[in-house]
Amino acid sequence: MKPIRKAWLIFAAMLWTVPLTSAAPEGAKALFCAYQGVGYTGPSGSERQYAVAVVEIESAKKIRNASLADFALIDQSGKETKLSRIVQVEIFERHRVASEGEFAYYLNSGGTRPWDGTLPAGKIQLRARVAFTERTSLAVRFRLVIGAQIIEGTVNGRLGS
């Protein structure tokens, strides 16, 4: 067999074995964020504000032991208010009711379960609740870091305002 024809046959065989579908893309997006103060000013160092964010993460492969590494509310001037502690991270699987507004959908209880730190292959939606000791003036953006994903988004509003 001529070398050129042999090379062509090897190349064609390699193409034949390449799968036509590709792995799921990786990425993340912010779905919702809101925050609120607790209505009183306690002693220095007490938690005065809370935030809730819902994000969607898509992974090509299963990742174990991912964690919420950082969360910050960011005001109009770019000043960041960092979390003091993580209250809860849960898998968000809630079904939306037709008459339900955005805040009710993302903040009401039900349709969630504890998150064990695993990001599955494919998509997962997570709801994170965090606490702050410092007050933020008027947060307009947030940044959340889970595993290797840095997710930034718009704050949808402040509760109670």
Protein backbone atom coordinates (compact mmCIF):
# COMPACT_ATOMS: atom_id res chain seq x y z
CA MET A 1 0.00 0.00 0.00
CA LYS A 2 1.31 3.45 -0.90
CA PRO A 3 2.34 5.64 2.08
CA ILE A 4 -0.10 8.44 1.17
CA ARG A 5 -3.06 6.07 0.92
CA LYS A 6 -2.06 4.38 4.20
CA ALA A 7 -1.85 7.77 5.96
CA TRP A 8 -5.28 8.71 4.56
CA LEU A 9 -6.83 5.47 5.83
CA ILE A 10 -5.34 6.01 9.30
CA PHE A 11 -6.64 9.60 9.33
CA ALA A 12 -10.12 8.46 8.21
CA ALA A 13 -10.17 5.77 10.93
CA MET A 14 -9.27 8.37 13.56
CA LEU A 15 -12.11 10.62 12.40
CA TRP A 16 -14.54 7.72 12.50
CA THR A 17 -13.80 7.10 16.20
CA VAL A 18 -14.23 10.74 17.32
CA PRO A 19 -17.62 11.15 19.03
CA LEU A 20 -20.01 13.55 17.31
CA THR A 21 -21.23 15.05 20.58
CA SER A 22 -19.01 17.09 22.83
CA ALA A 23 -18.87 17.30 26.60
CA ALA A 24 -21.23 19.73 28.32
CA PRO A 25 -19.86 23.25 28.42
CA GLU A 26 -18.67 24.60 31.74
CA GLY A 27 -19.92 27.83 33.13
CA ALA A 28 -22.04 29.56 35.71
CA LYS A 29 -24.62 32.29 35.88
CA ALA A 30 -26.33 34.36 38.52
CA LEU A 31 -30.09 33.88 38.74
CA PHE A 32 -31.07 36.03 41.75
CA CYS A 33 -29.74 37.97 44.73
CA ALA A 34 -31.39 39.98 47.50
CA TYR A 35 -30.25 41.24 50.89
CA GLN A 36 -31.65 42.86 54.02
CA GLY A 37 -30.69 44.35 57.33
CA VAL A 38 -31.99 42.90 60.58
CA GLY A 39 -33.56 46.15 61.75
CA TYR A 40 -31.41 46.83 64.81
CA THR A 41 -27.86 47.80 65.52
CA GLY A 42 -26.31 45.28 67.87
CA PRO A 43 -22.87 45.34 69.39
CA SER A 44 -19.87 45.60 67.11
CA GLY A 45 -19.19 42.29 65.39
CA SER A 46 -22.80 41.09 65.43
CA GLU A 47 -24.41 40.08 62.16
CA ARG A 48 -26.43 42.97 60.83
CA GLN A 49 -27.21 41.94 57.28
CA TYR A 50 -28.07 38.79 55.33
CA ALA A 51 -28.09 37.93 51.63
CA VAL A 52 -29.51 35.14 49.50
CA ALA A 53 -28.19 34.29 46.04
CA VAL A 54 -29.26 31.61 43.58
CA VAL A 55 -26.80 30.53 40.91
CA GLU A 56 -26.66 27.89 38.21
CA ILE A 57 -23.43 25.99 37.59
CA GLU A 58 -22.77 23.72 34.63
CA SER A 59 -19.86 21.27 34.81
CA ALA A 60 -18.49 18.91 32.19
CA LYS A 61 -17.55 16.43 34.91
CA LYS A 62 -18.48 15.68 38.49
CA ILE A 63 -16.52 17.73 41.04
CA ARG A 64 -16.43 16.64 44.69
CA ASN A 65 -15.66 18.77 47.74
CA ALA A 66 -16.42 22.13 46.14
CA SER A 67 -17.24 24.81 48.66
CA LEU A 68 -18.54 28.34 48.91
CA ALA A 69 -15.23 30.16 49.24
CA ASP A 70 -16.31 33.80 49.09
CA PHE A 71 -19.33 36.07 48.85
CA ALA A 72 -19.40 39.86 48.63
CA LEU A 73 -22.01 42.56 48.13
CA ILE A 74 -20.67 45.43 46.03
CA ASP A 75 -22.05 48.98 46.16
CA GLN A 76 -22.16 51.63 43.43
CA SER A 77 -18.69 52.92 44.29
CA GLY A 78 -17.16 49.42 44.05
CA LYS A 79 -16.76 48.96 47.82
CA GLU A 80 -17.11 45.30 48.79
CA THR A 81 -18.77 43.99 51.93
CA LYS A 82 -17.53 40.45 52.57
CA LEU A 83 -19.47 37.70 54.32
CA SER A 84 -18.84 36.92 57.96
CA ARG A 85 -20.23 33.39 57.73
CA ILE A 86 -22.12 30.99 55.51
CA VAL A 87 -25.58 30.30 56.90
CA GLN A 88 -26.62 27.61 54.41
CA VAL A 89 -26.01 26.29 50.89
CA GLU A 90 -28.70 24.10 49.38
CA ILE A 91 -29.70 22.58 46.06
CA PHE A 92 -32.52 24.65 44.59
CA GLU A 93 -35.11 22.51 42.76
CA ARG A 94 -38.25 24.50 43.38
CA HIS A 95 -41.03 24.55 40.78
CA ARG A 96 -42.46 27.97 40.05
CA VAL A 97 -46.17 28.65 40.59
CA ALA A 98 -47.75 30.76 37.85
CA SER A 99 -48.85 33.53 40.24
CA GLU A 100 -45.52 33.63 42.10
CA GLY A 101 -43.23 36.65 41.77
CA GLU A 102 -39.47 36.48 41.46
CA PHE A 103 -38.75 37.18 45.15
CA ALA A 104 -41.29 34.61 46.37
CA TYR A 105 -39.97 31.99 43.97
CA TYR A 106 -36.34 32.29 45.01
CA LEU A 107 -36.83 33.03 48.73
CA ASN A 108 -39.72 30.83 49.89
CA SER A 109 -39.00 27.52 51.57
CA GLY A 110 -39.53 24.15 49.95
CA GLY A 111 -38.05 22.63 46.83
CA THR A 112 -34.57 22.53 48.31
CA ARG A 113 -32.30 19.99 49.92
CA PRO A 114 -28.91 20.19 51.62
CA TRP A 115 -25.89 20.47 49.31
CA ASP A 116 -23.03 18.04 50.05
CA GLY A 117 -20.33 19.95 48.14
CA THR A 118 -20.67 17.96 44.92
CA LEU A 119 -21.07 19.69 41.57
CA PRO A 120 -22.51 17.01 39.26
CA ALA A 121 -21.76 16.65 35.57
CA GLY A 122 -24.41 18.85 33.99
CA LYS A 123 -26.40 21.66 35.61
CA ILE A 124 -27.17 22.36 39.25
CA GLN A 125 -28.84 25.34 40.89
CA LEU A 126 -27.64 26.34 44.34
CA ARG A 127 -29.12 28.79 46.85
CA ALA A 128 -26.63 30.34 49.27
CA ARG A 129 -27.58 32.25 52.42
CA VAL A 130 -24.82 34.31 54.03
CA ALA A 131 -24.46 36.76 56.93
CA PHE A 132 -22.49 40.01 57.24
CA THR A 133 -21.22 41.93 60.25
CA GLU A 134 -20.77 45.14 58.25
CA ARG A 135 -23.59 47.05 56.63
CA THR A 136 -23.44 47.84 52.95
CA SER A 137 -24.88 51.13 51.75
CA LEU A 138 -26.72 50.16 48.59
CA ALA A 139 -25.52 46.94 47.00
CA VAL A 140 -25.95 46.78 43.24
CA ARG A 141 -23.85 43.69 42.45
CA PHE A 142 -22.63 40.54 44.14
CA ARG A 143 -19.79 38.08 43.67
CA LEU A 144 -19.90 34.48 44.79
CA VAL A 145 -17.12 31.90 44.49
CA ILE A 146 -17.99 28.19 44.51
CA GLY A 147 -15.19 25.79 43.66
CA ALA A 148 -13.38 27.26 40.66
CA GLN A 149 -16.44 29.27 39.55
CA ILE A 150 -16.50 33.03 40.13
CA ILE A 151 -20.07 34.18 39.61
CA GLU A 152 -21.02 37.84 39.48
CA GLY A 153 -24.48 39.25 39.08
CA THR A 154 -26.89 42.07 39.76
CA VAL A 155 -28.62 42.46 43.10
CA ASN A 156 -32.34 42.18 42.41
CA GLY A 157 -33.30 44.19 45.45
CA ARG A 158 -33.27 44.81 49.14
CA LEU A 159 -35.92 43.11 51.23
CA GLY A 160 -38.09 45.36 53.32
CA SER A 161 -37.42 48.44 51.21
